[in-house]
């Protein structure tokens, strides 16, 4: 009888000591209802990335300006999509505008199904008519803000073309 009671106490103790997930730590299993469907999706092509209207605006671009920008957003001073303009570079030639728009409109220029786990810290910006393009040359990432969205994409396949353009303008 002693052994039966002792076994029962040990059994109850082991059940009571079963670890639960702490309430102050998030679940390891993603909960789409908490994160939203878009938190788990990536664009598959340029049209999904920037939209038809921005694509059309890029195709029609006639003027191009270049800038060095600060990597942290600001509320004051001269800004390009919220980033402080540090220096104006050369205006883009018609050939440079065509080169930049061609590579930005090509889905093969980006690595859509993945995302780098680094902060986007732009150093350069371009204004092609009214379309703004921000470049983080350190991490090979680009952002083309559209409305209130500012998605960031990897541009690894066109790194050399972007580097050449930047070195020609600054």
N, C-alpha and C. Protein backbone atom coordinates (compact mmCIF):
# COMPACT_ATOMS: atom_id res chain seq x y z
N UNK A 1 0.81 -1.17 0.00
CA UNK A 1 0.00 0.00 0.00
C UNK A 1 0.87 1.26 0.00
N UNK A 2 1.97 1.24 0.78
CA UNK A 2 2.89 2.37 0.80
C UNK A 2 3.40 2.65 -0.61
N UNK A 3 3.77 1.56 -1.31
CA UNK A 3 4.34 1.73 -2.65
C UNK A 3 3.31 2.26 -3.62
N UNK A 4 2.07 1.85 -3.46
CA UNK A 4 1.00 2.33 -4.32
C UNK A 4 0.77 3.83 -4.08
N UNK A 5 0.75 4.25 -2.85
CA UNK A 5 0.57 5.66 -2.51
C UNK A 5 1.75 6.49 -3.01
N UNK A 6 2.97 5.94 -2.82
CA UNK A 6 4.17 6.64 -3.28
C UNK A 6 4.18 6.76 -4.80
N UNK A 7 3.80 5.73 -5.49
CA UNK A 7 3.72 5.77 -6.96
C UNK A 7 2.69 6.79 -7.42
N UNK A 8 1.56 6.87 -6.72
CA UNK A 8 0.51 7.82 -7.06
C UNK A 8 1.01 9.25 -6.87
N UNK A 9 1.75 9.51 -5.79
CA UNK A 9 2.29 10.85 -5.52
C UNK A 9 3.32 11.23 -6.59
N UNK A 10 4.17 10.28 -6.97
CA UNK A 10 5.17 10.55 -8.01
C UNK A 10 4.49 10.85 -9.34
N UNK A 11 3.45 10.10 -9.65
CA UNK A 11 2.71 10.31 -10.89
C UNK A 11 2.08 11.70 -10.89
N UNK A 12 1.44 12.10 -9.80
CA UNK A 12 0.84 13.43 -9.71
C UNK A 12 1.89 14.53 -9.81
N UNK A 13 3.04 14.31 -9.19
CA UNK A 13 4.12 15.30 -9.26
C UNK A 13 4.63 15.48 -10.67
N UNK A 14 4.78 14.39 -11.39
CA UNK A 14 5.29 14.50 -12.76
C UNK A 14 4.28 15.20 -13.66
N UNK A 15 2.98 14.98 -13.46
CA UNK A 15 1.96 15.67 -14.25
C UNK A 15 1.95 17.15 -13.91
N UNK A 16 2.08 17.49 -12.65
CA UNK A 16 2.07 18.88 -12.23
C UNK A 16 3.30 19.63 -12.71
N UNK A 17 4.42 18.92 -12.89
CA UNK A 17 5.66 19.56 -13.31
C UNK A 17 5.85 19.58 -14.81
N UNK A 18 4.90 19.08 -15.57
CA UNK A 18 5.01 19.11 -17.03
C UNK A 18 5.11 20.56 -17.46
N UNK A 19 6.12 20.85 -18.29
CA UNK A 19 6.36 22.23 -18.66
C UNK A 19 5.31 22.71 -19.65
N UNK A 20 4.88 23.91 -19.42
CA UNK A 20 3.98 24.60 -20.34
C UNK A 20 4.80 25.66 -21.04
N UNK A 21 4.29 26.12 -22.19
CA UNK A 21 4.96 27.22 -22.87
C UNK A 21 4.73 28.48 -22.05
N UNK A 22 5.79 29.21 -21.73
CA UNK A 22 5.61 30.44 -20.94
C UNK A 22 4.69 31.40 -21.68
N UNK A 23 3.85 32.07 -20.92
CA UNK A 23 2.88 32.98 -21.54
C UNK A 23 3.53 34.25 -22.06
N UNK A 24 4.73 34.57 -21.64
CA UNK A 24 5.38 35.80 -22.09
C UNK A 24 6.23 35.60 -23.34
N UNK A 25 6.29 34.40 -23.89
CA UNK A 25 7.06 34.14 -25.09
C UNK A 25 6.12 33.81 -26.24
N UNK A 26 6.43 34.30 -27.45
CA UNK A 26 5.56 34.01 -28.59
C UNK A 26 5.66 32.55 -29.01
N UNK A 27 4.62 32.09 -29.65
CA UNK A 27 4.58 30.73 -30.16
C UNK A 27 5.61 30.56 -31.27
N UNK A 28 6.20 29.39 -31.36
CA UNK A 28 7.15 29.12 -32.43
C UNK A 28 6.43 28.82 -33.74
N UNK A 29 5.16 28.52 -33.67
CA UNK A 29 4.37 28.23 -34.86
C UNK A 29 3.70 29.53 -35.30
N UNK A 30 3.95 29.97 -36.56
CA UNK A 30 3.36 31.24 -36.99
C UNK A 30 1.83 31.17 -36.95
N UNK A 31 1.23 32.23 -36.47
CA UNK A 31 -0.21 32.34 -36.43
C UNK A 31 -0.61 33.41 -37.44
N UNK A 32 -1.11 32.98 -38.60
CA UNK A 32 -1.42 33.92 -39.67
C UNK A 32 -2.47 34.94 -39.26
N UNK A 33 -3.37 34.58 -38.39
CA UNK A 33 -4.39 35.54 -37.98
C UNK A 33 -3.77 36.69 -37.20
N UNK A 34 -2.67 36.45 -36.50
CA UNK A 34 -2.01 37.53 -35.75
C UNK A 34 -1.09 38.33 -36.66
N UNK A 35 -0.45 37.69 -37.64
CA UNK A 35 0.54 38.37 -38.47
C UNK A 35 -0.05 38.89 -39.76
N UNK A 36 -1.17 38.37 -40.19
CA UNK A 36 -1.76 38.77 -41.46
C UNK A 36 -1.19 37.97 -42.60
N UNK A 37 -1.98 37.79 -43.61
CA UNK A 37 -1.57 36.99 -44.77
C UNK A 37 -0.37 37.60 -45.49
N UNK A 38 -0.33 38.93 -45.59
CA UNK A 38 0.75 39.57 -46.34
C UNK A 38 2.11 39.41 -45.67
N UNK A 39 2.12 39.17 -44.38
CA UNK A 39 3.38 39.00 -43.66
C UNK A 39 4.10 37.75 -44.13
N UNK A 40 3.40 36.84 -44.78
CA UNK A 40 3.98 35.58 -45.20
C UNK A 40 4.15 35.49 -46.72
N UNK A 41 3.88 36.57 -47.47
CA UNK A 41 3.93 36.48 -48.92
C UNK A 41 4.95 37.46 -49.51
N UNK A 42 5.44 37.11 -50.69
CA UNK A 42 6.40 37.93 -51.41
C UNK A 42 5.88 38.15 -52.83
N UNK A 43 6.21 39.30 -53.44
CA UNK A 43 5.82 39.47 -54.84
C UNK A 43 6.56 38.46 -55.72
N UNK A 44 5.93 38.10 -56.83
CA UNK A 44 6.53 37.12 -57.73
C UNK A 44 7.15 37.77 -58.96
N UNK A 45 6.79 39.03 -59.21
CA UNK A 45 7.31 39.74 -60.38
C UNK A 45 7.24 41.25 -60.14
N UNK A 46 7.74 42.01 -61.09
CA UNK A 46 7.80 43.46 -60.94
C UNK A 46 6.40 44.06 -60.83
N UNK A 47 5.45 43.54 -61.59
CA UNK A 47 4.10 44.08 -61.53
C UNK A 47 3.51 43.96 -60.13
N UNK A 48 3.71 42.82 -59.48
CA UNK A 48 3.24 42.66 -58.10
C UNK A 48 4.04 43.54 -57.14
N UNK A 49 5.29 43.78 -57.46
CA UNK A 49 6.17 44.57 -56.59
C UNK A 49 5.80 46.06 -56.60
N UNK A 50 5.65 46.66 -57.79
CA UNK A 50 5.42 48.11 -57.85
C UNK A 50 4.09 48.49 -58.49
N UNK A 51 3.41 47.58 -59.14
CA UNK A 51 2.12 47.88 -59.74
C UNK A 51 2.22 48.40 -61.16
N UNK A 52 1.10 48.29 -61.87
CA UNK A 52 1.04 48.69 -63.29
C UNK A 52 1.27 50.18 -63.50
N UNK A 53 0.70 51.01 -62.61
CA UNK A 53 0.84 52.47 -62.77
C UNK A 53 2.29 52.92 -62.65
N UNK A 54 3.01 52.38 -61.67
CA UNK A 54 4.42 52.75 -61.50
C UNK A 54 5.25 52.21 -62.64
N UNK A 55 4.91 51.01 -63.13
CA UNK A 55 5.62 50.47 -64.29
C UNK A 55 5.44 51.39 -65.50
N UNK A 56 4.22 51.84 -65.73
CA UNK A 56 3.94 52.74 -66.86
C UNK A 56 4.69 54.06 -66.69
N UNK A 57 4.74 54.58 -65.47
CA UNK A 57 5.46 55.84 -65.22
C UNK A 57 6.95 55.67 -65.48
N UNK A 58 7.52 54.53 -65.09
CA UNK A 58 8.94 54.28 -65.36
C UNK A 58 9.21 54.21 -66.86
N UNK A 59 8.33 53.55 -67.60
CA UNK A 59 8.51 53.43 -69.05
C UNK A 59 8.50 54.78 -69.74
N UNK A 60 7.75 55.75 -69.19
CA UNK A 60 7.62 57.09 -69.79
C UNK A 60 8.65 58.09 -69.26
N UNK A 61 9.46 57.72 -68.29
CA UNK A 61 10.37 58.67 -67.64
C UNK A 61 11.30 59.35 -68.65
N UNK A 62 11.35 60.67 -68.56
CA UNK A 62 12.19 61.48 -69.45
C UNK A 62 13.32 62.18 -68.70
N UNK A 63 13.12 62.42 -67.40
CA UNK A 63 14.15 63.10 -66.61
C UNK A 63 14.59 62.20 -65.46
N UNK A 64 15.84 62.38 -65.05
CA UNK A 64 16.36 61.59 -63.95
C UNK A 64 17.35 62.39 -63.11
N UNK A 65 17.17 62.35 -61.82
CA UNK A 65 18.05 63.02 -60.89
C UNK A 65 18.64 61.98 -59.94
N UNK A 66 19.84 62.24 -59.44
CA UNK A 66 20.49 61.33 -58.49
C UNK A 66 20.83 62.07 -57.21
N UNK A 67 20.80 61.33 -56.11
CA UNK A 67 21.06 61.91 -54.80
C UNK A 67 21.81 60.94 -53.91
N UNK A 68 22.62 61.49 -52.99
CA UNK A 68 23.10 60.72 -51.85
C UNK A 68 22.12 61.04 -50.73
N UNK A 69 21.67 60.00 -50.02
CA UNK A 69 20.69 60.21 -48.96
C UNK A 69 21.19 59.63 -47.65
N UNK A 70 20.67 60.16 -46.56
CA UNK A 70 20.94 59.61 -45.24
C UNK A 70 20.16 58.32 -45.06
N UNK A 71 20.69 57.42 -44.31
CA UNK A 71 20.08 56.09 -44.19
C UNK A 71 18.97 56.01 -43.15
N UNK A 72 18.74 57.08 -42.39
CA UNK A 72 17.65 57.09 -41.41
C UNK A 72 16.65 58.16 -41.80
N UNK A 73 15.37 57.82 -41.73
CA UNK A 73 14.31 58.77 -42.10
C UNK A 73 14.34 59.98 -41.18
N UNK A 74 13.83 61.08 -41.72
CA UNK A 74 13.81 62.35 -41.00
C UNK A 74 12.46 63.03 -41.23
N UNK A 75 12.17 64.03 -40.41
CA UNK A 75 10.94 64.81 -40.56
C UNK A 75 11.21 66.21 -41.09
N UNK A 76 12.49 66.57 -41.23
CA UNK A 76 12.79 67.95 -41.62
C UNK A 76 13.89 67.98 -42.67
N UNK A 77 14.00 69.14 -43.30
CA UNK A 77 15.02 69.35 -44.33
C UNK A 77 14.54 68.86 -45.67
N UNK A 78 15.45 68.86 -46.64
CA UNK A 78 15.12 68.35 -47.98
C UNK A 78 15.12 66.83 -47.92
N UNK A 79 14.00 66.23 -48.33
CA UNK A 79 13.83 64.79 -48.21
C UNK A 79 13.52 64.13 -49.54
N UNK A 80 13.89 62.87 -49.65
CA UNK A 80 13.51 62.03 -50.77
C UNK A 80 12.86 60.79 -50.16
N UNK A 81 11.54 60.71 -50.27
CA UNK A 81 10.76 59.62 -49.68
C UNK A 81 11.03 59.48 -48.18
N UNK A 82 11.24 60.61 -47.52
CA UNK A 82 11.45 60.61 -46.07
C UNK A 82 12.91 60.53 -45.65
N UNK A 83 13.81 60.31 -46.58
CA UNK A 83 15.25 60.24 -46.26
C UNK A 83 15.90 61.58 -46.59
N UNK A 84 16.76 62.07 -45.70
CA UNK A 84 17.39 63.37 -45.94
C UNK A 84 18.34 63.34 -47.14
N UNK A 85 18.23 64.35 -47.97
CA UNK A 85 19.13 64.48 -49.12
C UNK A 85 20.43 65.10 -48.61
N UNK A 86 21.53 64.38 -48.79
CA UNK A 86 22.84 64.85 -48.34
C UNK A 86 23.58 65.59 -49.44
N UNK A 87 23.35 65.13 -50.68
CA UNK A 87 24.08 65.71 -51.80
C UNK A 87 23.33 65.37 -53.09
N UNK A 88 23.27 66.34 -54.00
CA UNK A 88 22.68 66.06 -55.31
C UNK A 88 23.80 65.60 -56.22
N UNK A 89 23.56 64.51 -56.92
CA UNK A 89 24.51 64.01 -57.90
C UNK A 89 24.20 64.59 -59.27
N UNK A 90 24.81 64.01 -60.28
CA UNK A 90 24.56 64.44 -61.65
C UNK A 90 23.17 64.01 -62.09
N UNK A 91 22.61 64.76 -63.05
CA UNK A 91 21.37 64.32 -63.67
C UNK A 91 21.68 63.13 -64.57
N UNK A 92 20.74 62.22 -64.67
CA UNK A 92 20.93 61.04 -65.51
C UNK A 92 20.77 61.42 -66.97
N UNK A 93 21.61 60.85 -67.81
CA UNK A 93 21.48 61.04 -69.26
C UNK A 93 20.30 60.19 -69.74
N UNK A 94 19.87 60.42 -70.96
CA UNK A 94 18.77 59.60 -71.49
C UNK A 94 19.17 58.13 -71.55
N UNK A 95 20.44 57.84 -71.83
CA UNK A 95 20.92 56.47 -71.84
C UNK A 95 20.89 55.83 -70.46
N UNK A 96 21.27 56.61 -69.44
CA UNK A 96 21.24 56.10 -68.07
C UNK A 96 19.81 55.88 -67.59
N UNK A 97 18.90 56.77 -67.99
CA UNK A 97 17.48 56.59 -67.64
C UNK A 97 16.96 55.30 -68.27
N UNK A 98 17.29 55.08 -69.53
CA UNK A 98 16.83 53.87 -70.22
C UNK A 98 17.42 52.62 -69.55
N UNK A 99 18.71 52.66 -69.23
CA UNK A 99 19.35 51.51 -68.57
C UNK A 99 18.69 51.22 -67.22
N UNK A 100 18.50 52.26 -66.41
CA UNK A 100 17.92 52.07 -65.09
C UNK A 100 16.48 51.57 -65.19
N UNK A 101 15.67 52.17 -66.03
CA UNK A 101 14.28 51.72 -66.15
C UNK A 101 14.19 50.31 -66.70
N UNK A 102 15.05 49.97 -67.64
CA UNK A 102 15.03 48.61 -68.21
C UNK A 102 15.33 47.57 -67.14
N UNK A 103 16.35 47.81 -66.32
CA UNK A 103 16.67 46.81 -65.30
C UNK A 103 15.63 46.79 -64.18
N UNK A 104 15.04 47.94 -63.86
CA UNK A 104 14.02 47.97 -62.82
C UNK A 104 12.72 47.30 -63.26
N UNK A 105 12.47 47.25 -64.54
CA UNK A 105 11.24 46.63 -65.06
C UNK A 105 11.41 45.16 -65.39
N UNK A 106 12.61 44.62 -65.21
CA UNK A 106 12.89 43.22 -65.51
C UNK A 106 12.83 42.39 -64.22
N UNK A 107 11.92 41.44 -64.17
CA UNK A 107 11.76 40.61 -62.97
C UNK A 107 13.01 39.82 -62.63
N UNK A 108 13.85 39.57 -63.64
CA UNK A 108 15.09 38.82 -63.40
C UNK A 108 16.14 39.65 -62.64
N UNK A 109 15.88 40.93 -62.48
CA UNK A 109 16.81 41.81 -61.77
C UNK A 109 16.73 41.63 -60.25
N UNK A 110 15.67 40.99 -59.78
CA UNK A 110 15.42 40.88 -58.35
C UNK A 110 15.36 39.43 -57.90
N UNK A 111 15.48 39.23 -56.59
CA UNK A 111 15.38 37.91 -55.99
C UNK A 111 14.07 37.92 -55.19
N UNK A 112 12.94 37.73 -55.89
CA UNK A 112 11.63 37.91 -55.26
C UNK A 112 11.25 36.90 -54.18
N UNK A 113 11.53 35.63 -54.31
CA UNK A 113 10.97 34.71 -53.31
C UNK A 113 11.69 34.71 -51.95
N UNK A 114 12.64 35.58 -51.75
CA UNK A 114 13.36 35.61 -50.48
C UNK A 114 13.45 37.03 -49.94
N UNK A 115 13.90 37.13 -48.70
CA UNK A 115 14.13 38.44 -48.10
C UNK A 115 15.37 38.37 -47.22
N UNK A 116 16.20 39.40 -47.32
CA UNK A 116 17.39 39.47 -46.47
C UNK A 116 16.96 39.92 -45.08
N UNK A 117 17.63 39.40 -44.09
CA UNK A 117 17.29 39.74 -42.71
C UNK A 117 18.21 40.84 -42.20
N UNK A 118 18.22 41.96 -42.92
CA UNK A 118 18.99 43.12 -42.53
C UNK A 118 18.11 44.35 -42.70
N UNK A 119 18.48 45.43 -42.03
CA UNK A 119 17.73 46.68 -42.17
C UNK A 119 18.05 47.31 -43.52
N UNK A 120 17.06 47.94 -44.11
CA UNK A 120 17.24 48.69 -45.34
C UNK A 120 17.81 50.05 -44.98
N UNK A 121 19.03 50.33 -45.45
CA UNK A 121 19.73 51.58 -45.15
C UNK A 121 20.19 52.21 -46.46
N UNK A 122 19.31 52.97 -47.11
CA UNK A 122 19.69 53.53 -48.42
C UNK A 122 20.82 54.53 -48.32
N UNK A 123 21.62 54.56 -49.38
CA UNK A 123 22.70 55.55 -49.50
C UNK A 123 22.48 56.44 -50.71
N UNK A 124 21.71 55.93 -51.69
CA UNK A 124 21.49 56.66 -52.93
C UNK A 124 20.01 56.67 -53.28
N UNK A 125 19.63 57.69 -54.00
CA UNK A 125 18.25 57.78 -54.47
C UNK A 125 18.23 58.33 -55.88
N UNK A 126 17.22 57.91 -56.61
CA UNK A 126 17.00 58.41 -57.97
C UNK A 126 15.56 58.88 -58.07
N UNK A 127 15.36 59.92 -58.85
CA UNK A 127 14.01 60.38 -59.13
C UNK A 127 13.87 60.36 -60.65
N UNK A 128 13.07 59.43 -61.14
CA UNK A 128 12.82 59.30 -62.57
C UNK A 128 11.43 59.87 -62.82
N UNK A 129 11.37 61.11 -63.32
CA UNK A 129 10.15 61.91 -63.35
C UNK A 129 9.60 61.94 -61.92
N UNK A 130 8.51 61.26 -61.62
CA UNK A 130 7.95 61.28 -60.27
C UNK A 130 8.18 59.98 -59.50
N UNK A 131 8.84 59.01 -60.10
CA UNK A 131 9.09 57.72 -59.44
C UNK A 131 10.40 57.80 -58.67
N UNK A 132 10.35 57.41 -57.41
CA UNK A 132 11.53 57.44 -56.56
C UNK A 132 12.07 56.03 -56.40
N UNK A 133 13.39 55.92 -56.51
CA UNK A 133 14.08 54.64 -56.34
C UNK A 133 15.17 54.85 -55.29
N UNK A 134 15.13 54.05 -54.24
CA UNK A 134 16.13 54.13 -53.18
C UNK A 134 17.03 52.91 -53.23
N UNK A 135 18.33 53.11 -53.08
CA UNK A 135 19.32 52.04 -53.22
C UNK A 135 20.12 51.89 -51.93
N UNK A 136 20.14 50.68 -51.41
CA UNK A 136 21.03 50.31 -50.31
C UNK A 136 22.14 49.48 -50.95
N UNK A 137 23.22 50.16 -51.31
CA UNK A 137 24.31 49.49 -52.05
C UNK A 137 25.12 48.54 -51.16
N UNK A 138 25.06 48.72 -49.86
CA UNK A 138 25.78 47.83 -48.96
C UNK A 138 25.16 46.43 -48.95
N UNK A 139 23.84 46.38 -48.93
CA UNK A 139 23.12 45.09 -48.85
C UNK A 139 22.49 44.69 -50.19
N UNK A 140 22.73 45.44 -51.25
CA UNK A 140 22.16 45.20 -52.57
C UNK A 140 20.63 45.07 -52.49
N UNK A 141 20.01 46.13 -51.96
CA UNK A 141 18.57 46.16 -51.83
C UNK A 141 18.03 47.47 -52.43
N UNK A 142 16.84 47.37 -53.00
CA UNK A 142 16.20 48.53 -53.64
C UNK A 142 14.78 48.67 -53.09
N UNK A 143 14.34 49.91 -53.01
CA UNK A 143 12.96 50.20 -52.64
C UNK A 143 12.41 51.21 -53.63
N UNK A 144 11.21 50.92 -54.11
CA UNK A 144 10.50 51.85 -55.00
C UNK A 144 9.19 52.17 -54.29
N UNK A 145 9.18 53.24 -53.47
CA UNK A 145 7.97 53.56 -52.71
C UNK A 145 6.80 53.87 -53.64
N UNK A 146 5.66 53.24 -53.34
CA UNK A 146 4.44 53.47 -54.10
C UNK A 146 3.34 53.77 -53.09
N UNK A 147 2.84 54.99 -53.10
CA UNK A 147 1.84 55.39 -52.11
C UNK A 147 2.42 55.29 -50.72
N UNK A 148 1.72 54.59 -49.84
CA UNK A 148 2.23 54.43 -48.47
C UNK A 148 3.02 53.14 -48.29
N UNK A 149 3.20 52.38 -49.37
CA UNK A 149 3.99 51.14 -49.30
C UNK A 149 5.42 51.41 -49.75
N UNK A 150 6.34 50.72 -49.12
CA UNK A 150 7.74 50.86 -49.48
C UNK A 150 8.42 49.50 -49.37
N UNK A 151 8.03 48.59 -50.26
CA UNK A 151 8.61 47.24 -50.23
C UNK A 151 10.07 47.28 -50.64
N UNK A 152 10.83 46.38 -50.08
CA UNK A 152 12.26 46.30 -50.35
C UNK A 152 12.54 44.97 -51.03
N UNK A 153 13.37 44.99 -52.06
CA UNK A 153 13.74 43.77 -52.79
C UNK A 153 15.25 43.69 -52.96
N UNK A 154 15.75 42.46 -53.07
CA UNK A 154 17.17 42.20 -53.33
C UNK A 154 17.45 42.43 -54.81
N UNK A 155 18.54 43.13 -55.11
CA UNK A 155 18.91 43.33 -56.51
C UNK A 155 20.27 42.68 -56.83
N UNK A 156 20.59 41.60 -56.18
CA UNK A 156 21.88 40.94 -56.40
C UNK A 156 22.22 40.69 -57.88
N UNK A 157 21.25 40.24 -58.72
CA UNK A 157 21.61 39.96 -60.12
C UNK A 157 22.09 41.18 -60.92
N UNK A 158 21.74 42.38 -60.48
CA UNK A 158 22.13 43.59 -61.23
C UNK A 158 23.10 44.47 -60.45
N UNK A 159 23.76 43.89 -59.48
CA UNK A 159 24.65 44.67 -58.62
C UNK A 159 25.70 45.44 -59.43
N UNK A 160 26.34 44.79 -60.38
CA UNK A 160 27.40 45.47 -61.15
C UNK A 160 26.84 46.64 -61.95
N UNK A 161 25.64 46.50 -62.52
CA UNK A 161 25.04 47.58 -63.30
C UNK A 161 24.71 48.77 -62.39
N UNK A 162 24.19 48.50 -61.21
CA UNK A 162 23.86 49.57 -60.27
C UNK A 162 25.14 50.25 -59.78
N UNK A 163 26.16 49.46 -59.45
CA UNK A 163 27.44 50.02 -58.99
C UNK A 163 28.06 50.92 -60.07
N UNK A 164 27.98 50.49 -61.32
CA UNK A 164 28.53 51.29 -62.43
C UNK A 164 27.77 52.60 -62.57
N UNK A 165 26.46 52.53 -62.49
CA UNK A 165 25.63 53.74 -62.60
C UNK A 165 25.97 54.72 -61.47
N UNK A 166 26.06 54.20 -60.25
CA UNK A 166 26.37 55.07 -59.11
C UNK A 166 27.74 55.71 -59.27
N UNK A 167 28.74 54.92 -59.70
CA UNK A 167 30.09 55.50 -59.84
C UNK A 167 30.14 56.54 -60.96
N UNK A 168 29.29 56.42 -61.97
CA UNK A 168 29.23 57.43 -63.05
C UNK A 168 28.57 58.73 -62.58
N UNK A 169 27.70 58.63 -61.59
CA UNK A 169 26.93 59.80 -61.17
C UNK A 169 27.53 60.55 -59.99
N UNK A 170 28.42 59.90 -59.24
CA UNK A 170 28.99 60.54 -58.05
C UNK A 170 30.51 60.53 -58.07
